Amino acid sequence: MVETMDELLARVQNQIHRLRDLGEAMGDVRATETSPDGAITVEVDGNGALLDLSCTAAIGRLTPAEFESALVWTARAAATRAFAERGAIITTFNAEQPG
């Protein structure tokens, strides 16, 4: 329970700082994944949006279907990693929530 207006303001300011820090941490999430054969590397943000895609000369040995499959697999793996990182950030934030 809050005893004074100063304590209430301090709690609110603390929560605002925590939320700002959470937003920054979530915005900083990046994940990179490389296909098992090393042909494709994908980087995504915390929302799973593609930030970077690079391919090596090894893609020349892939059929179009193999390329598509490798690209989708790699992008999905990167997004999964980014979502897990975001989940960990949120879990930590919630665990540190003042009672």
PDB file of N, CA and C in Angstrom:
ATOM      1  N   MET A   1       0.834  -1.183   0.000  1.00  0.00           N
ATOM      2  CA  MET A   1       0.000   0.000   0.000  1.00  0.00           C
ATOM      3  C   MET A   1       0.875   1.242   0.000  1.00  0.00           C
ATOM      4  N   VAL A   2       0.417   2.273  -0.651  1.00  0.00           N
ATOM      5  CA  VAL A   2       1.159   3.520  -0.764  1.00  0.00           C
ATOM      6  C   VAL A   2       0.767   4.436   0.393  1.00  0.00           C
ATOM      7  N   GLU A   3       1.763   4.943   1.067  1.00  0.00           N
ATOM      8  CA  GLU A   3       1.533   5.798   2.235  1.00  0.00           C
ATOM      9  C   GLU A   3       1.395   7.272   1.867  1.00  0.00           C
ATOM     10  N   THR A   4       2.217   7.735   0.926  1.00  0.00           N
ATOM     11  CA  THR A   4       2.223   9.158   0.601  1.00  0.00           C
ATOM     12  C   THR A   4       2.186   9.359  -0.905  1.00  0.00           C
ATOM     13  N   MET A   5       1.907  10.569  -1.307  1.00  0.00           N
ATOM     14  CA  MET A   5       1.902  10.911  -2.725  1.00  0.00           C
ATOM     15  C   MET A   5       3.305  10.739  -3.307  1.00  0.00           C
ATOM     16  N   ASP A   6       4.344  11.063  -2.548  1.00  0.00           N
ATOM     17  CA  ASP A   6       5.717  10.892  -3.029  1.00  0.00           C
ATOM     18  C   ASP A   6       6.012   9.422  -3.314  1.00  0.00           C
ATOM     19  N   GLU A   7       5.532   8.535  -2.446  1.00  0.00           N
ATOM     20  CA  GLU A   7       5.734   7.103  -2.680  1.00  0.00           C
ATOM     21  C   GLU A   7       4.984   6.641  -3.926  1.00  0.00           C
ATOM     22  N   LEU A   8       3.784   7.150  -4.106  1.00  0.00           N
ATOM     23  CA  LEU A   8       3.005   6.805  -5.286  1.00  0.00           C
ATOM     24  C   LEU A   8       3.717   7.271  -6.554  1.00  0.00           C
ATOM     25  N   LEU A   9       4.198   8.490  -6.551  1.00  0.00           N
ATOM     26  CA  LEU A   9       4.925   9.013  -7.717  1.00  0.00           C
ATOM     27  C   LEU A   9       6.182   8.203  -7.990  1.00  0.00           C
ATOM     28  N   ALA A  10       6.885   7.828  -6.952  1.00  0.00           N
ATOM     29  CA  ALA A  10       8.105   7.027  -7.122  1.00  0.00           C
ATOM     30  C   ALA A  10       7.766   5.674  -7.743  1.00  0.00           C
ATOM     31  N   ARG A  11       6.685   5.051  -7.287  1.00  0.00           N
ATOM     32  CA  ARG A  11       6.270   3.760  -7.858  1.00  0.00           C
ATOM     33  C   ARG A  11       5.892   3.899  -9.323  1.00  0.00           C
ATOM     34  N   VAL A  12       5.147   4.932  -9.639  1.00  0.00           N
ATOM     35  CA  VAL A  12       4.726   5.147 -11.031  1.00  0.00           C
ATOM     36  C   VAL A  12       5.941   5.396 -11.920  1.00  0.00           C
ATOM     37  N   GLN A  13       6.862   6.226 -11.459  1.00  0.00           N
ATOM     38  CA  GLN A  13       8.063   6.505 -12.248  1.00  0.00           C
ATOM     39  C   GLN A  13       8.889   5.234 -12.438  1.00  0.00           C
ATOM     40  N   ASN A  14       8.979   4.423 -11.409  1.00  0.00           N
ATOM     41  CA  ASN A  14       9.707   3.159 -11.520  1.00  0.00           C
ATOM     42  C   ASN A  14       9.053   2.262 -12.568  1.00  0.00           C
ATOM     43  N   GLN A  15       7.740   2.180 -12.563  1.00  0.00           N
ATOM     44  CA  GLN A  15       7.028   1.360 -13.544  1.00  0.00           C
ATOM     45  C   GLN A  15       7.231   1.895 -14.966  1.00  0.00           C
ATOM     46  N   ILE A  16       7.219   3.200 -15.098  1.00  0.00           N
ATOM     47  CA  ILE A  16       7.451   3.801 -16.422  1.00  0.00           C
ATOM     48  C   ILE A  16       8.853   3.445 -16.923  1.00  0.00           C
ATOM     49  N   HIS A  17       9.836   3.526 -16.060  1.00  0.00           N
ATOM     50  CA  HIS A  17      11.211   3.169 -16.452  1.00  0.00           C
ATOM     51  C   HIS A  17      11.306   1.685 -16.815  1.00  0.00           C
ATOM     52  N   ARG A  18      10.646   0.849 -16.040  1.00  0.00           N
ATOM     53  CA  ARG A  18      10.662  -0.591 -16.328  1.00  0.00           C
ATOM     54  C   ARG A  18      10.018  -0.877 -17.678  1.00  0.00           C
ATOM     55  N   LEU A  19       8.890  -0.225 -17.949  1.00  0.00           N
ATOM     56  CA  LEU A  19       8.221  -0.431 -19.233  1.00  0.00           C
ATOM     57  C   LEU A  19       9.059   0.083 -20.397  1.00  0.00           C
ATOM     58  N   ARG A  20       9.724   1.204 -20.196  1.00  0.00           N
ATOM     59  CA  ARG A  20      10.607   1.739 -21.237  1.00  0.00           C
ATOM     60  C   ARG A  20      11.757   0.762 -21.499  1.00  0.00           C
ATOM     61  N   ASP A  21      12.337   0.238 -20.414  1.00  0.00           N
ATOM     62  CA  ASP A  21      13.418  -0.742 -20.561  1.00  0.00           C
ATOM     63  C   ASP A  21      12.930  -2.006 -21.273  1.00  0.00           C
ATOM     64  N   LEU A  22      11.711  -2.442 -20.939  1.00  0.00           N
ATOM     65  CA  LEU A  22      11.137  -3.609 -21.601  1.00  0.00           C
ATOM     66  C   LEU A  22      10.984  -3.339 -23.095  1.00  0.00           C
ATOM     67  N   GLY A  23      10.455  -2.183 -23.436  1.00  0.00           N
ATOM     68  CA  GLY A  23      10.279  -1.834 -24.843  1.00  0.00           C
ATOM     69  C   GLY A  23      11.598  -1.800 -25.597  1.00  0.00           C
ATOM     70  N   GLU A  24      12.616  -1.256 -24.966  1.00  0.00           N
ATOM     71  CA  GLU A  24      13.939  -1.206 -25.605  1.00  0.00           C
ATOM     72  C   GLU A  24      14.510  -2.605 -25.783  1.00  0.00           C
ATOM     73  N   ALA A  25      14.374  -3.436 -24.752  1.00  0.00           N
ATOM     74  CA  ALA A  25      14.889  -4.804 -24.838  1.00  0.00           C
ATOM     75  C   ALA A  25      14.170  -5.581 -25.941  1.00  0.00           C
ATOM     76  N   MET A  26      12.863  -5.401 -26.026  1.00  0.00           N
ATOM     77  CA  MET A  26      12.104  -6.092 -27.062  1.00  0.00           C
ATOM     78  C   MET A  26      12.510  -5.593 -28.457  1.00  0.00           C
ATOM     79  N   GLY A  27      12.761  -4.300 -28.572  1.00  0.00           N
ATOM     80  CA  GLY A  27      13.170  -3.735 -29.849  1.00  0.00           C
ATOM     81  C   GLY A  27      14.568  -4.140 -30.278  1.00  0.00           C
ATOM     82  N   ASP A  28      15.381  -4.544 -29.314  1.00  0.00           N
ATOM     83  CA  ASP A  28      16.755  -4.944 -29.617  1.00  0.00           C
ATOM     84  C   ASP A  28      16.892  -6.412 -30.011  1.00  0.00           C
ATOM     85  N   VAL A  29      15.813  -7.174 -29.930  1.00  0.00           N
ATOM     86  CA  VAL A  29      15.891  -8.608 -30.226  1.00  0.00           C
ATOM     87  C   VAL A  29      16.217  -8.810 -31.701  1.00  0.00           C
ATOM     88  N   ARG A  30      17.217  -9.625 -31.929  1.00  0.00           N
ATOM     89  CA  ARG A  30      17.623 -10.039 -33.279  1.00  0.00           C
ATOM     90  C   ARG A  30      18.012 -11.507 -33.190  1.00  0.00           C
ATOM     91  N   ALA A  31      17.728 -12.253 -34.225  1.00  0.00           N
ATOM     92  CA  ALA A  31      18.132 -13.657 -34.267  1.00  0.00           C
ATOM     93  C   ALA A  31      18.625 -13.979 -35.666  1.00  0.00           C
ATOM     94  N   THR A  32      19.688 -14.755 -35.705  1.00  0.00           N
ATOM     95  CA  THR A  32      20.277 -15.173 -36.974  1.00  0.00           C
ATOM     96  C   THR A  32      20.333 -16.693 -37.004  1.00  0.00           C
ATOM     97  N   GLU A  33      20.025 -17.236 -38.151  1.00  0.00           N
ATOM     98  CA  GLU A  33      20.079 -18.686 -38.335  1.00  0.00           C
ATOM     99  C   GLU A  33      20.670 -18.970 -39.704  1.00  0.00           C
ATOM    100  N   THR A  34      21.454 -20.031 -39.773  1.00  0.00           N
ATOM    101  CA  THR A  34      22.056 -20.468 -41.031  1.00  0.00           C
ATOM    102  C   THR A  34      21.547 -21.865 -41.342  1.00  0.00           C
ATOM    103  N   SER A  35      21.245 -22.103 -42.594  1.00  0.00           N
ATOM    104  CA  SER A  35      20.756 -23.420 -43.008  1.00  0.00           C
ATOM    105  C   SER A  35      21.826 -24.472 -42.718  1.00  0.00           C
ATOM    106  N   PRO A  36      21.409 -25.717 -42.495  1.00  0.00           N
ATOM    107  CA  PRO A  36      22.379 -26.767 -42.165  1.00  0.00           C
ATOM    108  C   PRO A  36      23.519 -26.908 -43.168  1.00  0.00           C
ATOM    109  N   ASP A  37      23.259 -26.644 -44.434  1.00  0.00           N
ATOM    110  CA  ASP A  37      24.316 -26.752 -45.448  1.00  0.00           C
ATOM    111  C   ASP A  37      25.135 -25.468 -45.589  1.00  0.00           C
ATOM    112  N   GLY A  38      24.786 -24.437 -44.809  1.00  0.00           N
ATOM    113  CA  GLY A  38      25.521 -23.175 -44.842  1.00  0.00           C
ATOM    114  C   GLY A  38      25.214 -22.284 -46.029  1.00  0.00           C
ATOM    115  N   ALA A  39      24.231 -22.670 -46.838  1.00  0.00           N
ATOM    116  CA  ALA A  39      23.942 -21.916 -48.058  1.00  0.00           C
ATOM    117  C   ALA A  39      23.176 -20.629 -47.810  1.00  0.00           C
ATOM    118  N   ILE A  40      22.346 -20.604 -46.757  1.00  0.00           N
ATOM    119  CA  ILE A  40      21.452 -19.467 -46.523  1.00  0.00           C
ATOM    120  C   ILE A  40      21.581 -19.017 -45.073  1.00  0.00           C
ATOM    121  N   THR A  41      21.683 -17.708 -44.875  1.00  0.00           N
ATOM    122  CA  THR A  41      21.669 -17.132 -43.537  1.00  0.00           C
ATOM    123  C   THR A  41      20.589 -16.054 -43.508  1.00  0.00           C
ATOM    124  N   VAL A  42      19.773 -16.116 -42.450  1.00  0.00           N
ATOM    125  CA  VAL A  42      18.648 -15.201 -42.292  1.00  0.00           C
ATOM    126  C   VAL A  42      18.773 -14.501 -40.952  1.00  0.00           C
ATOM    127  N   GLU A  43      18.520 -13.190 -40.940  1.00  0.00           N
ATOM    128  CA  GLU A  43      18.437 -12.437 -39.689  1.00  0.00           C
ATOM    129  C   GLU A  43      17.044 -11.832 -39.619  1.00  0.00           C
ATOM    130  N   VAL A  44      16.406 -11.974 -38.434  1.00  0.00           N
ATOM    131  CA  VAL A  44      15.069 -11.413 -38.219  1.00  0.00           C
ATOM    132  C   VAL A  44      15.082 -10.557 -36.959  1.00  0.00           C
ATOM    133  N   ASP A  45      14.071  -9.704 -36.845  1.00  0.00           N
ATOM    134  CA  ASP A  45      13.906  -8.917 -35.627  1.00  0.00           C
ATOM    135  C   ASP A  45      13.006  -9.683 -34.654  1.00  0.00           C
ATOM    136  N   GLY A  46      12.662  -9.051 -33.560  1.00  0.00           N
ATOM    137  CA  GLY A  46      11.862  -9.694 -32.535  1.00  0.00           C
ATOM    138  C   GLY A  46      10.454 -10.031 -32.956  1.00  0.00           C
ATOM    139  N   ASN A  47       9.995  -9.453 -34.055  1.00  0.00           N
ATOM    140  CA  ASN A  47       8.676  -9.771 -34.596  1.00  0.00           C
ATOM    141  C   ASN A  47       8.744 -10.832 -35.682  1.00  0.00           C
ATOM    142  N   GLY A  48       9.950 -11.299 -35.963  1.00  0.00           N
ATOM    143  CA  GLY A  48      10.133 -12.289 -37.018  1.00  0.00           C
ATOM    144  C   GLY A  48      10.252 -11.687 -38.398  1.00  0.00           C
ATOM    145  N   ALA A  49      10.324 -10.364 -38.483  1.00  0.00           N
ATOM    146  CA  ALA A  49      10.450  -9.697 -39.787  1.00  0.00           C
ATOM    147  C   ALA A  49      11.882  -9.834 -40.305  1.00  0.00           C
ATOM    148  N   LEU A  50      11.998 -10.110 -41.564  1.00  0.00           N
ATOM    149  CA  LEU A  50      13.294 -10.298 -42.208  1.00  0.00           C
ATOM    150  C   LEU A  50      14.099  -9.002 -42.200  1.00  0.00           C
ATOM    151  N   LEU A  51      15.318  -9.078 -41.677  1.00  0.00           N
ATOM    152  CA  LEU A  51      16.230  -7.935 -41.684  1.00  0.00           C
ATOM    153  C   LEU A  51      17.358  -8.124 -42.685  1.00  0.00           C
ATOM    154  N   ASP A  52      17.797  -9.382 -42.826  1.00  0.00           N
ATOM    155  CA  ASP A  52      18.923  -9.638 -43.721  1.00  0.00           C
ATOM    156  C   ASP A  52      18.824 -11.065 -44.243  1.00  0.00           C
ATOM    157  N   LEU A  53      19.216 -11.236 -45.479  1.00  0.00           N
ATOM    158  CA  LEU A  53      19.245 -12.544 -46.114  1.00  0.00           C
ATOM    159  C   LEU A  53      20.519 -12.612 -46.927  1.00  0.00           C
ATOM    160  N   SER A  54      21.302 -13.640 -46.660  1.00  0.00           N
ATOM    161  CA  SER A  54      22.507 -13.812 -47.469  1.00  0.00           C
ATOM    162  C   SER A  54      22.616 -15.261 -47.913  1.00  0.00           C
ATOM    163  N   CYS A  55      23.174 -15.422 -49.082  1.00  0.00           N
ATOM    164  CA  CYS A  55      23.321 -16.748 -49.663  1.00  0.00           C
ATOM    165  C   CYS A  55      24.760 -16.931 -50.118  1.00  0.00           C
ATOM    166  N   THR A  56      25.232 -18.147 -50.005  1.00  0.00           N
ATOM    167  CA  THR A  56      26.560 -18.467 -50.520  1.00  0.00           C
ATOM    168  C   THR A  56      26.400 -19.090 -51.903  1.00  0.00           C
ATOM    169  N   ALA A  57      27.512 -19.356 -52.537  1.00  0.00           N
ATOM    170  CA  ALA A  57      27.482 -19.984 -53.858  1.00  0.00           C
ATOM    171  C   ALA A  57      26.859 -21.373 -53.794  1.00  0.00           C
ATOM    172  N   ALA A  58      26.742 -21.939 -52.611  1.00  0.00           N
ATOM    173  CA  ALA A  58      26.164 -23.276 -52.446  1.00  0.00           C
ATOM    174  C   ALA A  58      24.715 -23.343 -52.916  1.00  0.00           C
ATOM    175  N   ILE A  59      24.028 -22.207 -53.005  1.00  0.00           N
ATOM    176  CA  ILE A  59      22.633 -22.261 -53.475  1.00  0.00           C
ATOM    177  C   ILE A  59      22.553 -22.697 -54.931  1.00  0.00           C
ATOM    178  N   GLY A  60      23.653 -22.556 -55.650  1.00  0.00           N
ATOM    179  CA  GLY A  60      23.682 -22.967 -57.055  1.00  0.00           C
ATOM    180  C   GLY A  60      23.513 -24.465 -57.231  1.00  0.00           C
ATOM    181  N   ARG A  61      23.755 -25.221 -56.168  1.00  0.00           N
ATOM    182  CA  ARG A  61      23.602 -26.675 -56.232  1.00  0.00           C
ATOM    183  C   ARG A  61      22.202 -27.128 -55.817  1.00  0.00           C
ATOM    184  N   LEU A  62      21.352 -26.185 -55.397  1.00  0.00           N
ATOM    185  CA  LEU A  62      20.010 -26.524 -54.937  1.00  0.00           C
ATOM    186  C   LEU A  62      19.003 -26.394 -56.071  1.00  0.00           C
ATOM    187  N   THR A  63      18.033 -27.273 -56.061  1.00  0.00           N
ATOM    188  CA  THR A  63      16.915 -27.115 -56.994  1.00  0.00           C
ATOM    189  C   THR A  63      16.058 -25.975 -56.459  1.00  0.00           C
ATOM    190  N   PRO A  64      15.179 -25.430 -57.275  1.00  0.00           N
ATOM    191  CA  PRO A  64      14.286 -24.386 -56.758  1.00  0.00           C
ATOM    192  C   PRO A  64      13.490 -24.853 -55.533  1.00  0.00           C
ATOM    193  N   ALA A  65      13.011 -26.076 -55.554  1.00  0.00           N
ATOM    194  CA  ALA A  65      12.245 -26.595 -54.412  1.00  0.00           C
ATOM    195  C   ALA A  65      13.131 -26.720 -53.174  1.00  0.00           C
ATOM    196  N   GLU A  66      14.365 -27.171 -53.347  1.00  0.00           N
ATOM    197  CA  GLU A  66      15.293 -27.284 -52.211  1.00  0.00           C
ATOM    198  C   GLU A  66      15.634 -25.907 -51.663  1.00  0.00           C
ATOM    199  N   PHE A  67      15.842 -24.949 -52.575  1.00  0.00           N
ATOM    200  CA  PHE A  67      16.122 -23.582 -52.135  1.00  0.00           C
ATOM    201  C   PHE A  67      14.961 -23.031 -51.324  1.00  0.00           C
ATOM    202  N   GLU A  68      13.750 -23.183 -51.849  1.00  0.00           N
ATOM    203  CA  GLU A  68      12.563 -22.701 -51.143  1.00  0.00           C
ATOM    204  C   GLU A  68      12.445 -23.341 -49.771  1.00  0.00           C
ATOM    205  N   SER A  69      12.621 -24.628 -49.709  1.00  0.00           N
ATOM    206  CA  SER A  69      12.514 -25.345 -48.443  1.00  0.00           C
ATOM    207  C   SER A  69      13.575 -24.874 -47.452  1.00  0.00           C
ATOM    208  N   ALA A  70      14.801 -24.736 -47.920  1.00  0.00           N
ATOM    209  CA  ALA A  70      15.886 -24.286 -47.041  1.00  0.00           C
ATOM    210  C   ALA A  70      15.649 -22.862 -46.558  1.00  0.00           C
ATOM    211  N   LEU A  71      15.170 -22.011 -47.431  1.00  0.00           N
ATOM    212  CA  LEU A  71      14.900 -20.624 -47.057  1.00  0.00           C
ATOM    213  C   LEU A  71      13.800 -20.550 -46.000  1.00  0.00           C
ATOM    214  N   VAL A  72      12.711 -21.270 -46.238  1.00  0.00           N
ATOM    215  CA  VAL A  72      11.604 -21.246 -45.283  1.00  0.00           C
ATOM    216  C   VAL A  72      12.039 -21.843 -43.950  1.00  0.00           C
ATOM    217  N   TRP A  73      12.747 -22.962 -43.974  1.00  0.00           N
ATOM    218  CA  TRP A  73      13.215 -23.600 -42.739  1.00  0.00           C
ATOM    219  C   TRP A  73      14.110 -22.642 -41.958  1.00  0.00           C
ATOM    220  N   THR A  74      15.038 -22.005 -42.643  1.00  0.00           N
ATOM    221  CA  THR A  74      15.996 -21.115 -41.984  1.00  0.00           C
ATOM    222  C   THR A  74      15.304 -19.887 -41.408  1.00  0.00           C
ATOM    223  N   ALA A  75      14.394 -19.306 -42.167  1.00  0.00           N
ATOM    224  CA  ALA A  75      13.650 -18.140 -41.670  1.00  0.00           C
ATOM    225  C   ALA A  75      12.792 -18.519 -40.467  1.00  0.00           C
ATOM    226  N   ARG A  76      12.159 -19.674 -40.532  1.00  0.00           N
ATOM    227  CA  ARG A  76      11.326 -20.129 -39.409  1.00  0.00           C
ATOM    228  C   ARG A  76      12.186 -20.370 -38.167  1.00  0.00           C
ATOM    229  N   ALA A  77      13.345 -20.963 -38.341  1.00  0.00           N
ATOM    230  CA  ALA A  77      14.236 -21.217 -37.210  1.00  0.00           C
ATOM    231  C   ALA A  77      14.701 -19.900 -36.573  1.00  0.00           C
ATOM    232  N   ALA A  78      15.017 -18.922 -37.400  1.00  0.00           N
ATOM    233  CA  ALA A  78      15.437 -17.615 -36.871  1.00  0.00           C
ATOM    234  C   ALA A  78      14.286 -16.951 -36.117  1.00  0.00           C
ATOM    235  N   ALA A  79      13.089 -16.995 -36.676  1.00  0.00           N
ATOM    236  CA  ALA A  79      11.925 -16.396 -36.013  1.00  0.00           C
ATOM    237  C   ALA A  79      11.631 -17.101 -34.697  1.00  0.00           C
ATOM    238  N   THR A  80      11.738 -18.416 -34.685  1.00  0.00           N
ATOM    239  CA  THR A  80      11.517 -19.179 -33.451  1.00  0.00           C
ATOM    240  C   THR A  80      12.499 -18.751 -32.373  1.00  0.00           C
ATOM    241  N   ARG A  81      13.737 -18.574 -32.753  1.00  0.00           N
ATOM    242  CA  ARG A  81      14.756 -18.129 -31.800  1.00  0.00           C
ATOM    243  C   ARG A  81      14.439 -16.715 -31.288  1.00  0.00           C
ATOM    244  N   ALA A  82      14.018 -15.834 -32.179  1.00  0.00           N
ATOM    245  CA  ALA A  82      13.676 -14.460 -31.774  1.00  0.00           C
ATOM    246  C   ALA A  82      12.478 -14.459 -30.824  1.00  0.00           C
ATOM    247  N   PHE A  83      11.475 -15.267 -31.128  1.00  0.00           N
ATOM    248  CA  PHE A  83      10.291 -15.325 -30.264  1.00  0.00           C
ATOM    249  C   PHE A  83      10.645 -15.892 -28.897  1.00  0.00           C
ATOM    250  N   ALA A  84      11.545 -16.858 -28.850  1.00  0.00           N
ATOM    251  CA  ALA A  84      11.980 -17.416 -27.564  1.00  0.00           C
ATOM    252  C   ALA A  84      12.709 -16.362 -26.742  1.00  0.00           C
ATOM    253  N   GLU A  85      13.525 -15.566 -27.411  1.00  0.00           N
ATOM    254  CA  GLU A  85      14.238 -14.495 -26.708  1.00  0.00           C
ATOM    255  C   GLU A  85      13.250 -13.466 -26.161  1.00  0.00           C
ATOM    256  N   ARG A  86      12.267 -13.106 -26.962  1.00  0.00           N
ATOM    257  CA  ARG A  86      11.241 -12.165 -26.478  1.00  0.00           C
ATOM    258  C   ARG A  86      10.491 -12.757 -25.287  1.00  0.00           C
ATOM    259  N   GLY A  87      10.175 -14.027 -25.366  1.00  0.00           N
ATOM    260  CA  GLY A  87       9.481 -14.690 -24.259  1.00  0.00           C
ATOM    261  C   GLY A  87      10.295 -14.655 -22.990  1.00  0.00           C
ATOM    262  N   ALA A  88      11.600 -14.873 -23.106  1.00  0.00           N
ATOM    263  CA  ALA A  88      12.472 -14.834 -21.934  1.00  0.00           C
ATOM    264  C   ALA A  88      12.520 -13.425 -21.343  1.00  0.00           C
ATOM    265  N   ILE A  89      12.535 -12.420 -22.189  1.00  0.00           N
ATOM    266  CA  ILE A  89      12.540 -11.031 -21.708  1.00  0.00           C
ATOM    267  C   ILE A  89      11.253 -10.742 -20.934  1.00  0.00           C
ATOM    268  N   ILE A  90      10.133 -11.163 -21.469  1.00  0.00           N
ATOM    269  CA  ILE A  90       8.845 -10.932 -20.807  1.00  0.00           C
ATOM    270  C   ILE A  90       8.761 -11.712 -19.502  1.00  0.00           C
ATOM    271  N   THR A  91       9.244 -12.947 -19.498  1.00  0.00           N
ATOM    272  CA  THR A  91       9.230 -13.750 -18.275  1.00  0.00           C
ATOM    273  C   THR A  91      10.055 -13.081 -17.185  1.00  0.00           C
ATOM    274  N   THR A  92      11.217 -12.578 -17.532  1.00  0.00           N
ATOM    275  CA  THR A  92      12.065 -11.873 -16.570  1.00  0.00           C
ATOM    276  C   THR A  92      11.378 -10.610 -16.074  1.00  0.00           C
ATOM    277  N   PHE A  93      10.785  -9.860 -16.973  1.00  0.00           N
ATOM    278  CA  PHE A  93      10.066  -8.649 -16.603  1.00  0.00           C
ATOM    279  C   PHE A  93       8.966  -8.968 -15.601  1.00  0.00           C
ATOM    280  N   ASN A  94       8.177 -10.004 -15.887  1.00  0.00           N
ATOM    281  CA  ASN A  94       7.072 -10.369 -14.987  1.00  0.00           C
ATOM    282  C   ASN A  94       7.567 -10.874 -13.640  1.00  0.00           C
ATOM    283  N   ALA A  95       8.676 -11.605 -13.649  1.00  0.00           N
ATOM    284  CA  ALA A  95       9.221 -12.138 -12.389  1.00  0.00           C
ATOM    285  C   ALA A  95       9.744 -11.022 -11.502  1.00  0.00           C
ATOM    286  N   GLU A  96      10.185  -9.944 -12.092  1.00  0.00           N
ATOM    287  CA  GLU A  96      10.730  -8.819 -11.333  1.00  0.00           C
ATOM    288  C   GLU A  96       9.647  -7.810 -10.937  1.00  0.00           C
ATOM    289  N   GLN A  97       8.411  -8.118 -11.292  1.00  0.00           N
ATOM    290  CA  GLN A  97       7.297  -7.207 -10.986  1.00  0.00           C
ATOM    291  C   GLN A  97       7.151  -7.060  -9.471  1.00  0.00           C
ATOM    292  N   PRO A  98       7.181  -5.832  -8.989  1.00  0.00           N
ATOM    293  CA  PRO A  98       7.007  -5.626  -7.553  1.00  0.00           C
ATOM    294  C   PRO A  98       5.625  -6.078  -7.097  1.00  0.00           C
ATOM    295  N   GLY A  99       5.602  -6.650  -5.908  1.00  0.00           N
ATOM    296  CA  GLY A  99       4.346  -7.175  -5.372  1.00  0.00           C
ATOM    297  C   GLY A  99       3.505  -6.125  -4.865  1.00  0.00           C
TER     298      GLY A  99
END
